[in-house]
Protein backbone atom coordinates (compact mmCIF):
# COMPACT_ATOMS: atom_id res chain seq x y z
CA MET A 1 57.38 72.13 100.77
CA ALA A 2 55.97 70.59 97.84
CA ILE A 3 53.84 73.21 96.82
CA PHE A 4 56.34 75.85 96.53
CA ASP A 5 58.65 73.30 94.46
CA ARG A 6 56.04 72.64 92.18
CA GLU A 7 55.25 76.32 91.95
CA ILE A 8 58.66 77.19 90.92
CA ASP A 9 58.77 74.04 88.41
CA ILE A 10 55.42 75.89 86.71
CA THR A 11 57.47 79.21 87.05
CA ARG A 12 60.56 78.02 85.09
CA ASN A 13 58.55 76.06 82.50
CA ILE A 14 56.55 78.81 81.59
CA LYS A 15 59.74 81.06 81.39
CA THR A 16 61.48 78.56 79.43
CA ILE A 17 58.27 78.77 77.06
CA GLU A 18 58.61 82.36 76.41
CA TRP A 19 62.74 82.15 75.93
CA LEU A 20 61.79 79.16 73.44
CA LYS A 21 58.76 81.29 71.32
CA SER A 22 61.35 84.85 71.83
CA GLU A 23 64.48 82.41 69.98
CA LEU A 24 61.78 80.78 67.56
CA LEU A 25 60.53 84.21 66.44
CA THR A 26 64.38 85.53 66.67
CA ASP A 27 65.61 82.84 63.98
CA ILE A 28 62.67 83.09 61.38
CA ALA A 29 63.54 87.02 61.65
CA ASN A 30 67.13 85.56 60.91
CA LEU A 31 65.80 83.58 58.09
CA PHE A 32 64.24 86.44 56.48
CA LYS A 33 67.22 88.27 56.49
CA VAL A 34 69.44 86.16 54.81
CA LEU A 35 66.68 85.10 52.24
CA VAL A 36 66.65 88.93 51.00
CA ASN A 37 70.13 88.47 49.87
CA GLY A 38 69.00 85.63 47.56
CA MET A 39 70.10 81.72 47.63
CA LYS A 40 73.45 82.46 47.26
CA GLU A 41 76.51 79.98 48.09
CA GLU A 42 78.14 81.56 51.02
CA VAL A 43 74.54 81.95 52.77
CA ARG A 44 73.91 77.96 52.38
CA ASP A 45 75.42 77.17 55.87
CA SER A 46 73.71 80.35 57.31
CA ILE A 47 70.25 79.39 56.12
CA ALA A 48 71.05 75.48 57.56
CA GLU A 49 71.89 76.25 60.54
CA THR A 50 68.96 78.53 60.94
CA LEU A 51 66.47 75.83 59.83
CA SER A 52 67.98 73.35 61.94
CA ASN A 53 67.53 76.30 65.13
CA ILE A 54 63.90 76.45 64.21
CA ILE A 55 63.13 72.75 63.84
CA LEU A 56 64.94 72.26 67.23
CA ILE A 57 63.46 75.17 68.83
CA CYS A 58 59.95 73.59 67.75
CA TYR A 59 60.30 70.22 69.12
CA LEU A 60 61.61 71.43 72.33
CA LEU A 61 58.50 74.04 72.74
CA GLY A 62 56.55 71.13 71.67
CA ARG A 63 58.22 69.29 74.79
CA ARG A 64 57.55 72.23 77.48
CA LEU A 65 54.09 72.49 75.73
CA GLY A 66 53.44 68.23 76.89
CA LEU A 67 53.94 66.84 73.72
CA SER A 68 56.01 63.83 73.32
CA TYR A 69 58.85 63.94 70.48
CA ASN A 70 57.37 60.82 69.21
CA ALA A 71 54.03 62.62 69.16
CA ILE A 72 55.29 65.39 67.17
CA GLU A 73 56.92 63.19 64.76
CA LEU A 74 53.59 61.47 64.19
CA LYS A 75 51.89 64.31 63.03
CA ILE A 76 54.74 65.00 60.84
CA GLY A 77 54.66 61.86 59.33
CA ASN A 78 50.50 62.36 58.95
CA LYS A 79 50.93 65.64 57.35
CA ILE A 80 53.86 64.16 54.74
CA LYS A 81 50.75 61.40 54.20
CA LEU A 82 48.29 63.93 53.91
CA GLY A 83 50.24 66.32 51.11
CA LEU A 84 50.99 62.80 49.22
CA ILE A 85 47.62 61.44 49.17
CA GLU A 86 46.32 65.76 47.83
CA GLU A 87 49.22 65.95 45.83
CA HIS A 88 50.54 68.97 47.28
CA ASP A 89 52.62 71.65 45.05
CA VAL A 90 55.83 70.87 46.24
CA GLU A 91 55.21 67.53 46.02
CA LYS A 92 53.64 67.40 42.25
CA TYR A 93 56.14 69.71 41.07
CA TYR A 94 59.55 68.60 42.95
CA GLY A 95 58.31 65.26 44.92
CA ASP A 96 59.78 66.86 48.30
CA LEU A 97 57.27 65.08 50.12
CA SER A 98 58.09 61.74 48.87
CA GLU A 99 61.85 62.60 49.14
CA LEU A 100 61.18 63.93 52.80
CA SER A 101 59.23 60.57 53.45
CA LYS A 102 62.38 58.25 52.12
CA HIS A 103 64.82 60.33 54.09
CA LEU A 104 62.78 60.35 57.49
CA ASN A 105 62.20 56.61 57.28
CA SER A 106 66.10 55.65 56.38
CA SER A 107 66.79 57.52 59.55
CA ARG A 108 64.42 55.67 61.64
CA LEU A 109 65.97 52.38 60.08
CA LYS A 110 69.16 53.54 60.81
CA ALA A 111 68.23 54.76 64.16
CA LYS A 112 67.05 50.90 65.11
CA LYS A 113 70.02 48.91 64.03
């Protein structure tokens, strides 16, 4: 009986992974559709909604693929540090990586309190 339950769990996990992949593609397509019209004030909420969906789906997909949320966040942190060291263009011209690093660090400090 345990083997049958395990097979059901594996099948459910595969179906969930496939569903998350299709949701990710749908949201990316939606983002492209919204951006075709340019960054107008009316679409800011739609862009924020779509980007938050993409981030959420990526976390959930990683979890279904065997990664912990901490492992994903560690990789994000490492990529930010590397971008700072290599002076990535978004950092050099806009300071986005520094700002993101500060944001993530302040969010972690708030969570620890």
